[in-house]
Amino acid sequence: MEDFLVLLQTYVLPHWPFFAFTVLSIVLGQMFKNAVWTKKRAHAGKPRWFWLWARRTISAHPVLIGVIVGMGWQTPEAGVSGLVPAVLYFSMAGAMSTWAFNVLRGLGKKYGVDVDLHGNDDERDADVDHDPDPSGLKAQVDE
């Protein structure tokens, strides 16, 4: 047990901003996916192109938020200082959040635990058909 605590103190705790941003991105990403970037809004929201592409690029959002956070917090830990290193640090933490959530979902599925946050976008209750026009251009021409 002492070896684990030493390992934790030596290799994990110094990087707490990275892990905190990763976990926060997982939780907030699932909440926003189910409340804001819903399938229904992607197919019916105005302007349609905005909601559709916001939904289609949902896995890039944590990376983009990481860029914004890195612009604001430029010294998250020792050895990371300056605009470019901080932006890369937090954008990688955002990218890690999408991977970490997929790993958690896979482990949950293996052990029979549902880790998805179900809300407005629950796929079991989705009544929206797949859009044959992913660009949203046909809807803009029809208007």
N, C-alpha and C. Protein backbone atom coordinates (compact mmCIF):
# COMPACT_ATOMS: atom_id res chain seq x y z
N MET A 1 0.82 -1.19 0.00
CA MET A 1 0.00 0.00 0.00
C MET A 1 0.87 1.26 0.00
N GLU A 2 1.97 1.21 0.73
CA GLU A 2 2.86 2.37 0.76
C GLU A 2 3.47 2.63 -0.61
N ASP A 3 3.76 1.56 -1.35
CA ASP A 3 4.31 1.72 -2.70
C ASP A 3 3.31 2.42 -3.60
N PHE A 4 2.05 2.09 -3.43
CA PHE A 4 1.00 2.73 -4.23
C PHE A 4 0.91 4.22 -3.90
N LEU A 5 0.98 4.56 -2.62
CA LEU A 5 0.90 5.97 -2.22
C LEU A 5 2.11 6.75 -2.73
N VAL A 6 3.28 6.14 -2.70
CA VAL A 6 4.47 6.80 -3.23
C VAL A 6 4.33 6.99 -4.73
N LEU A 7 3.83 5.98 -5.42
CA LEU A 7 3.59 6.07 -6.86
C LEU A 7 2.59 7.20 -7.16
N LEU A 8 1.54 7.26 -6.39
CA LEU A 8 0.52 8.29 -6.56
C LEU A 8 1.10 9.68 -6.33
N GLN A 9 1.85 9.85 -5.26
CA GLN A 9 2.44 11.16 -4.94
C GLN A 9 3.51 11.57 -5.94
N THR A 10 4.22 10.60 -6.46
CA THR A 10 5.33 10.92 -7.35
C THR A 10 4.88 11.18 -8.78
N TYR A 11 3.96 10.36 -9.29
CA TYR A 11 3.65 10.41 -10.72
C TYR A 11 2.26 10.94 -11.07
N VAL A 12 1.32 10.91 -10.15
CA VAL A 12 -0.04 11.33 -10.47
C VAL A 12 -0.36 12.72 -9.94
N LEU A 13 -0.14 12.96 -8.67
CA LEU A 13 -0.52 14.23 -8.05
C LEU A 13 0.16 15.46 -8.66
N PRO A 14 1.41 15.37 -9.11
CA PRO A 14 1.99 16.56 -9.74
C PRO A 14 1.26 16.97 -11.03
N HIS A 15 0.53 16.04 -11.61
CA HIS A 15 -0.18 16.31 -12.86
C HIS A 15 -1.69 16.47 -12.65
N TRP A 16 -2.09 16.92 -11.47
CA TRP A 16 -3.51 17.01 -11.15
C TRP A 16 -4.30 17.89 -12.12
N PRO A 17 -3.74 18.99 -12.68
CA PRO A 17 -4.56 19.77 -13.62
C PRO A 17 -4.95 18.97 -14.87
N PHE A 18 -4.03 18.14 -15.34
CA PHE A 18 -4.31 17.31 -16.51
C PHE A 18 -5.45 16.34 -16.23
N PHE A 19 -5.35 15.62 -15.12
CA PHE A 19 -6.37 14.64 -14.79
C PHE A 19 -7.69 15.29 -14.41
N ALA A 20 -7.63 16.44 -13.73
CA ALA A 20 -8.86 17.15 -13.37
C ALA A 20 -9.58 17.64 -14.62
N PHE A 21 -8.84 18.19 -15.58
CA PHE A 21 -9.47 18.65 -16.82
C PHE A 21 -10.02 17.48 -17.62
N THR A 22 -9.33 16.36 -17.61
CA THR A 22 -9.82 15.17 -18.32
C THR A 22 -11.14 14.70 -17.73
N VAL A 23 -11.22 14.56 -16.42
CA VAL A 23 -12.45 14.09 -15.77
C VAL A 23 -13.57 15.11 -15.94
N LEU A 24 -13.24 16.38 -15.79
CA LEU A 24 -14.25 17.43 -15.97
C LEU A 24 -14.79 17.44 -17.40
N SER A 25 -13.92 17.22 -18.36
CA SER A 25 -14.36 17.16 -19.76
C SER A 25 -15.28 15.96 -20.01
N ILE A 26 -15.00 14.85 -19.36
CA ILE A 26 -15.87 13.67 -19.51
C ILE A 26 -17.26 13.98 -18.98
N VAL A 27 -17.34 14.49 -17.78
CA VAL A 27 -18.64 14.73 -17.15
C VAL A 27 -19.41 15.83 -17.87
N LEU A 28 -18.76 16.97 -18.09
CA LEU A 28 -19.44 18.07 -18.77
C LEU A 28 -19.79 17.72 -20.22
N GLY A 29 -18.92 16.96 -20.88
CA GLY A 29 -19.20 16.54 -22.25
C GLY A 29 -20.45 15.69 -22.34
N GLN A 30 -20.62 14.77 -21.42
CA GLN A 30 -21.82 13.93 -21.43
C GLN A 30 -23.06 14.75 -21.10
N MET A 31 -22.93 15.69 -20.17
CA MET A 31 -24.09 16.53 -19.83
C MET A 31 -24.49 17.40 -21.01
N PHE A 32 -23.53 18.02 -21.67
CA PHE A 32 -23.84 18.88 -22.81
C PHE A 32 -24.37 18.07 -23.99
N LYS A 33 -23.83 16.87 -24.19
CA LYS A 33 -24.31 16.02 -25.29
C LYS A 33 -25.78 15.69 -25.11
N ASN A 34 -26.19 15.47 -23.88
CA ASN A 34 -27.57 15.08 -23.62
C ASN A 34 -28.52 16.26 -23.42
N ALA A 35 -27.99 17.45 -23.17
CA ALA A 35 -28.87 18.59 -22.90
C ALA A 35 -28.81 19.67 -23.98
N VAL A 36 -27.65 19.87 -24.60
CA VAL A 36 -27.52 20.97 -25.55
C VAL A 36 -27.36 20.47 -26.98
N TRP A 37 -26.38 19.61 -27.21
CA TRP A 37 -26.08 19.15 -28.57
C TRP A 37 -26.88 17.89 -28.89
N THR A 38 -28.19 17.93 -28.78
CA THR A 38 -29.05 16.76 -28.95
C THR A 38 -29.29 16.46 -30.43
N LYS A 39 -29.66 15.22 -30.71
CA LYS A 39 -29.99 14.84 -32.08
C LYS A 39 -31.20 15.60 -32.59
N LYS A 40 -32.16 15.77 -31.71
CA LYS A 40 -33.38 16.50 -32.11
C LYS A 40 -33.04 17.93 -32.50
N ARG A 41 -32.22 18.60 -31.72
CA ARG A 41 -31.84 19.97 -32.04
C ARG A 41 -30.96 20.03 -33.29
N ALA A 42 -30.15 18.99 -33.51
CA ALA A 42 -29.30 18.97 -34.70
C ALA A 42 -30.12 18.89 -35.97
N HIS A 43 -31.31 18.28 -35.89
CA HIS A 43 -32.14 18.14 -37.07
C HIS A 43 -33.23 19.19 -37.18
N ALA A 44 -33.53 19.90 -36.09
CA ALA A 44 -34.63 20.85 -36.12
C ALA A 44 -34.25 22.25 -35.66
N GLY A 45 -33.06 22.42 -35.07
CA GLY A 45 -32.67 23.73 -34.55
C GLY A 45 -32.38 24.73 -35.66
N LYS A 46 -32.53 25.98 -35.35
CA LYS A 46 -32.25 27.05 -36.30
C LYS A 46 -31.05 27.84 -35.79
N PRO A 47 -30.07 28.20 -36.54
CA PRO A 47 -29.83 27.78 -37.91
C PRO A 47 -29.39 26.32 -37.95
N ARG A 48 -29.95 25.58 -38.86
CA ARG A 48 -29.77 24.13 -38.89
C ARG A 48 -28.31 23.71 -39.07
N TRP A 49 -27.58 24.41 -39.93
CA TRP A 49 -26.19 24.05 -40.19
C TRP A 49 -25.36 24.12 -38.91
N PHE A 50 -25.63 25.12 -38.06
CA PHE A 50 -24.87 25.27 -36.82
C PHE A 50 -25.08 24.07 -35.91
N TRP A 51 -26.32 23.71 -35.64
CA TRP A 51 -26.62 22.63 -34.71
C TRP A 51 -26.17 21.29 -35.26
N LEU A 52 -26.32 21.10 -36.58
CA LEU A 52 -25.91 19.84 -37.19
C LEU A 52 -24.40 19.64 -37.08
N TRP A 53 -23.62 20.68 -37.42
CA TRP A 53 -22.17 20.53 -37.36
C TRP A 53 -21.65 20.56 -35.92
N ALA A 54 -22.36 21.23 -35.03
CA ALA A 54 -21.98 21.18 -33.62
C ALA A 54 -22.13 19.75 -33.10
N ARG A 55 -23.18 19.07 -33.54
CA ARG A 55 -23.40 17.68 -33.14
C ARG A 55 -22.38 16.75 -33.79
N ARG A 56 -22.08 16.99 -35.07
CA ARG A 56 -21.15 16.11 -35.79
C ARG A 56 -19.72 16.23 -35.28
N THR A 57 -19.34 17.39 -34.77
CA THR A 57 -17.96 17.61 -34.31
C THR A 57 -17.85 17.54 -32.79
N ILE A 58 -18.77 16.84 -32.16
CA ILE A 58 -18.84 16.83 -30.70
C ILE A 58 -17.57 16.27 -30.05
N SER A 59 -16.88 15.36 -30.69
CA SER A 59 -15.67 14.80 -30.08
C SER A 59 -14.50 15.77 -30.13
N ALA A 60 -14.58 16.81 -30.94
CA ALA A 60 -13.51 17.82 -30.99
C ALA A 60 -13.71 18.92 -29.95
N HIS A 61 -14.89 19.01 -29.36
CA HIS A 61 -15.16 20.07 -28.39
C HIS A 61 -14.23 20.08 -27.20
N PRO A 62 -13.90 18.93 -26.57
CA PRO A 62 -12.96 18.98 -25.43
C PRO A 62 -11.58 19.49 -25.83
N VAL A 63 -11.16 19.20 -27.05
CA VAL A 63 -9.86 19.69 -27.51
C VAL A 63 -9.90 21.20 -27.68
N LEU A 64 -11.00 21.69 -28.27
CA LEU A 64 -11.13 23.14 -28.45
C LEU A 64 -11.25 23.88 -27.12
N ILE A 65 -11.98 23.31 -26.19
CA ILE A 65 -12.07 23.91 -24.86
C ILE A 65 -10.69 23.88 -24.18
N GLY A 66 -9.93 22.82 -24.41
CA GLY A 66 -8.57 22.75 -23.88
C GLY A 66 -7.68 23.86 -24.43
N VAL A 67 -7.86 24.20 -25.70
CA VAL A 67 -7.10 25.31 -26.29
C VAL A 67 -7.46 26.61 -25.57
N ILE A 68 -8.75 26.83 -25.32
CA ILE A 68 -9.19 28.05 -24.64
C ILE A 68 -8.66 28.11 -23.21
N VAL A 69 -8.75 26.99 -22.49
CA VAL A 69 -8.25 26.95 -21.11
C VAL A 69 -6.74 27.17 -21.09
N GLY A 70 -6.02 26.56 -22.04
CA GLY A 70 -4.57 26.75 -22.12
C GLY A 70 -4.16 28.18 -22.40
N MET A 71 -5.01 28.91 -23.12
CA MET A 71 -4.72 30.33 -23.36
C MET A 71 -4.85 31.14 -22.08
N GLY A 72 -5.73 30.69 -21.19
CA GLY A 72 -5.94 31.41 -19.95
C GLY A 72 -5.01 30.99 -18.82
N TRP A 73 -4.76 29.70 -18.71
CA TRP A 73 -3.93 29.16 -17.62
C TRP A 73 -2.63 28.65 -18.24
N GLN A 74 -1.61 29.49 -18.22
CA GLN A 74 -0.40 29.17 -18.96
C GLN A 74 0.69 28.49 -18.13
N THR A 75 0.46 28.27 -16.84
CA THR A 75 1.43 27.53 -16.02
C THR A 75 0.69 26.50 -15.16
N PRO A 76 0.14 25.44 -15.77
CA PRO A 76 -0.62 24.46 -14.99
C PRO A 76 0.23 23.61 -14.07
N GLU A 77 1.50 23.40 -14.41
CA GLU A 77 2.39 22.62 -13.56
C GLU A 77 3.82 22.95 -13.90
N ALA A 78 4.75 22.48 -13.09
CA ALA A 78 6.16 22.75 -13.35
C ALA A 78 6.57 22.13 -14.68
N GLY A 79 7.30 22.89 -15.45
CA GLY A 79 7.74 22.39 -16.75
C GLY A 79 6.81 22.75 -17.88
N VAL A 80 5.64 23.25 -17.57
CA VAL A 80 4.70 23.69 -18.59
C VAL A 80 4.45 25.17 -18.35
N SER A 81 5.09 25.99 -19.14
CA SER A 81 4.87 27.43 -19.00
C SER A 81 4.96 28.06 -20.38
N GLY A 82 4.09 28.99 -20.61
CA GLY A 82 4.02 29.64 -21.92
C GLY A 82 2.74 29.26 -22.63
N LEU A 83 2.43 30.00 -23.66
CA LEU A 83 1.17 29.82 -24.38
C LEU A 83 1.09 28.48 -25.10
N VAL A 84 2.06 28.17 -25.93
CA VAL A 84 1.99 26.95 -26.75
C VAL A 84 2.03 25.68 -25.90
N PRO A 85 2.95 25.54 -24.94
CA PRO A 85 2.93 24.33 -24.11
C PRO A 85 1.63 24.16 -23.32
N ALA A 86 1.07 25.26 -22.80
CA ALA A 86 -0.17 25.16 -22.04
C ALA A 86 -1.34 24.78 -22.94
N VAL A 87 -1.40 25.35 -24.13
CA VAL A 87 -2.47 25.00 -25.08
C VAL A 87 -2.37 23.53 -25.46
N LEU A 88 -1.17 23.04 -25.74
CA LEU A 88 -1.00 21.62 -26.08
C LEU A 88 -1.33 20.73 -24.89
N TYR A 89 -0.96 21.15 -23.70
CA TYR A 89 -1.21 20.38 -22.47
C TYR A 89 -2.71 20.16 -22.28
N PHE A 90 -3.48 21.26 -22.31
CA PHE A 90 -4.91 21.14 -22.07
C PHE A 90 -5.66 20.55 -23.25
N SER A 91 -5.20 20.78 -24.47
CA SER A 91 -5.88 20.15 -25.61
C SER A 91 -5.65 18.64 -25.61
N MET A 92 -4.47 18.20 -25.16
CA MET A 92 -4.24 16.75 -25.02
C MET A 92 -5.08 16.16 -23.91
N ALA A 93 -5.28 16.92 -22.82
CA ALA A 93 -6.17 16.44 -21.76
C ALA A 93 -7.59 16.31 -22.27
N GLY A 94 -8.03 17.25 -23.13
CA GLY A 94 -9.35 17.15 -23.74
C GLY A 94 -9.46 15.95 -24.66
N ALA A 95 -8.42 15.71 -25.46
CA ALA A 95 -8.42 14.53 -26.33
C ALA A 95 -8.41 13.25 -25.50
N MET A 96 -7.69 13.28 -24.40
CA MET A 96 -7.64 12.11 -23.50
C MET A 96 -9.01 11.82 -22.91
N SER A 97 -9.83 12.86 -22.73
CA SER A 97 -11.15 12.65 -22.13
C SER A 97 -12.04 11.82 -23.03
N THR A 98 -11.96 12.01 -24.35
CA THR A 98 -12.80 11.20 -25.24
C THR A 98 -12.34 9.75 -25.22
N TRP A 99 -11.03 9.54 -25.20
CA TRP A 99 -10.50 8.18 -25.12
C TRP A 99 -10.85 7.54 -23.78
N ALA A 100 -10.68 8.29 -22.69
CA ALA A 100 -10.94 7.74 -21.36
C ALA A 100 -12.42 7.38 -21.20
N PHE A 101 -13.30 8.20 -21.74
CA PHE A 101 -14.73 7.87 -21.63
C PHE A 101 -15.06 6.60 -22.40
N ASN A 102 -14.47 6.43 -23.58
CA ASN A 102 -14.72 5.19 -24.34
C ASN A 102 -14.17 3.97 -23.61
N VAL A 103 -13.04 4.13 -22.93
CA VAL A 103 -12.50 3.01 -22.13
C VAL A 103 -13.45 2.71 -20.97
N LEU A 104 -13.92 3.76 -20.28
CA LEU A 104 -14.87 3.55 -19.17
C LEU A 104 -16.16 2.90 -19.66
N ARG A 105 -16.66 3.34 -20.81
CA ARG A 105 -17.88 2.75 -21.34
C ARG A 105 -17.67 1.28 -21.69
N GLY A 106 -16.50 0.96 -22.28
CA GLY A 106 -16.20 -0.43 -22.61
C GLY A 106 -16.08 -1.31 -21.38
N LEU A 107 -15.40 -0.80 -20.35
CA LEU A 107 -15.29 -1.56 -19.11
C LEU A 107 -16.66 -1.72 -18.45
N GLY A 108 -17.45 -0.66 -18.50
CA GLY A 108 -18.80 -0.74 -17.94
C GLY A 108 -19.64 -1.77 -18.67
N LYS A 109 -19.53 -1.81 -19.98
CA LYS A 109 -20.29 -2.78 -20.76
C LYS A 109 -19.83 -4.20 -20.43
N LYS A 110 -18.52 -4.37 -20.24
CA LYS A 110 -17.97 -5.69 -19.91
C LYS A 110 -18.51 -6.20 -18.58
N TYR A 111 -18.64 -5.29 -17.59
CA TYR A 111 -19.09 -5.68 -16.26
C TYR A 111 -20.57 -5.38 -16.01
N GLY A 112 -21.31 -5.00 -17.04
CA GLY A 112 -22.75 -4.79 -16.92
C GLY A 112 -23.14 -3.50 -16.20
N VAL A 113 -22.30 -2.46 -16.31
CA VAL A 113 -22.60 -1.17 -15.67
C VAL A 113 -22.80 -0.14 -16.77
N ASP A 114 -23.89 0.61 -16.70
CA ASP A 114 -24.17 1.65 -17.69
C ASP A 114 -23.55 2.95 -17.22
N VAL A 115 -22.52 3.43 -17.92
CA VAL A 115 -21.83 4.66 -17.52
C VAL A 115 -22.32 5.88 -18.29
N ASP A 116 -23.18 5.69 -19.28
CA ASP A 116 -23.71 6.83 -20.03
C ASP A 116 -24.68 7.61 -19.17
N LEU A 117 -24.64 8.92 -19.30
CA LEU A 117 -25.62 9.77 -18.65
C LEU A 117 -26.79 9.95 -19.62
N HIS A 118 -27.91 9.35 -19.32
CA HIS A 118 -29.05 9.43 -20.23
C HIS A 118 -29.86 10.66 -19.91
N GLY A 119 -30.24 11.36 -20.94
CA GLY A 119 -31.02 12.58 -20.76
C GLY A 119 -31.92 12.77 -21.96
N ASN A 120 -31.93 13.96 -22.49
CA ASN A 120 -32.78 14.29 -23.63
C ASN A 120 -32.38 13.54 -24.88
N ASP A 121 -31.16 13.07 -24.95
CA ASP A 121 -30.65 12.43 -26.15
C ASP A 121 -30.52 10.92 -26.00
N ASP A 122 -31.33 10.34 -25.16
CA ASP A 122 -31.28 8.91 -24.93
C ASP A 122 -31.59 8.18 -26.24
N GLU A 123 -30.63 7.40 -26.74
CA GLU A 123 -30.79 6.75 -28.03
C GLU A 123 -31.91 5.72 -28.02
N ARG A 124 -32.26 5.21 -26.85
CA ARG A 124 -33.35 4.24 -26.79
C ARG A 124 -34.70 4.90 -27.07
N ASP A 125 -34.79 6.21 -26.80
CA ASP A 125 -36.04 6.93 -27.01
C ASP A 125 -35.98 7.89 -28.19
N ALA A 126 -34.89 7.83 -28.97
CA ALA A 126 -34.74 8.78 -30.06
C ALA A 126 -35.76 8.51 -31.16
N ASP A 127 -36.45 9.56 -31.58
CA ASP A 127 -37.44 9.41 -32.64
C ASP A 127 -37.01 10.19 -33.88
N VAL A 128 -35.74 10.53 -33.97
CA VAL A 128 -35.23 11.30 -35.09
C VAL A 128 -34.58 10.34 -36.07
N ASP A 129 -34.97 10.47 -37.33
CA ASP A 129 -34.38 9.63 -38.38
C ASP A 129 -33.01 10.17 -38.75
N HIS A 130 -32.21 9.31 -39.34
CA HIS A 130 -30.90 9.74 -39.81
C HIS A 130 -31.08 10.72 -40.95
N ASP A 131 -30.34 11.80 -40.94
CA ASP A 131 -30.45 12.84 -41.96
C ASP A 131 -29.69 12.43 -43.21
N PRO A 132 -30.35 12.35 -44.38
CA PRO A 132 -29.64 11.99 -45.60
C PRO A 132 -28.79 13.13 -46.14
N ASP A 133 -28.99 14.37 -45.64
CA ASP A 133 -28.22 15.52 -46.09
C ASP A 133 -27.38 16.05 -44.92
N PRO A 134 -26.18 15.47 -44.68
CA PRO A 134 -25.41 15.87 -43.51
C PRO A 134 -24.89 17.29 -43.56
N SER A 135 -24.84 17.89 -44.74
CA SER A 135 -24.31 19.25 -44.83
C SER A 135 -25.31 20.29 -44.37
N GLY A 136 -26.60 19.98 -44.42
CA GLY A 136 -27.63 20.94 -44.04
C GLY A 136 -27.91 21.96 -45.11
N LEU A 137 -27.28 21.79 -46.29
CA LEU A 137 -27.44 22.77 -47.35
C LEU A 137 -28.82 22.72 -48.00
N LYS A 138 -29.38 21.53 -48.13
CA LYS A 138 -30.70 21.40 -48.76
C LYS A 138 -31.75 22.16 -47.96
N ALA A 139 -31.67 22.10 -46.65
CA ALA A 139 -32.64 22.80 -45.79
C ALA A 139 -32.52 24.31 -45.95
N GLN A 140 -31.29 24.81 -46.16
CA GLN A 140 -31.10 26.23 -46.34
C GLN A 140 -31.64 26.70 -47.68
N VAL A 141 -31.52 25.86 -48.71
CA VAL A 141 -32.00 26.22 -50.04
C VAL A 141 -33.53 26.22 -50.04
N ASP A 142 -34.14 25.28 -49.31
CA ASP A 142 -35.60 25.17 -49.27
C ASP A 142 -36.24 26.34 -48.54
N GLU A 143 -35.52 27.01 -47.65
CA GLU A 143 -36.13 28.05 -46.83
C GLU A 143 -36.37 29.30 -47.59
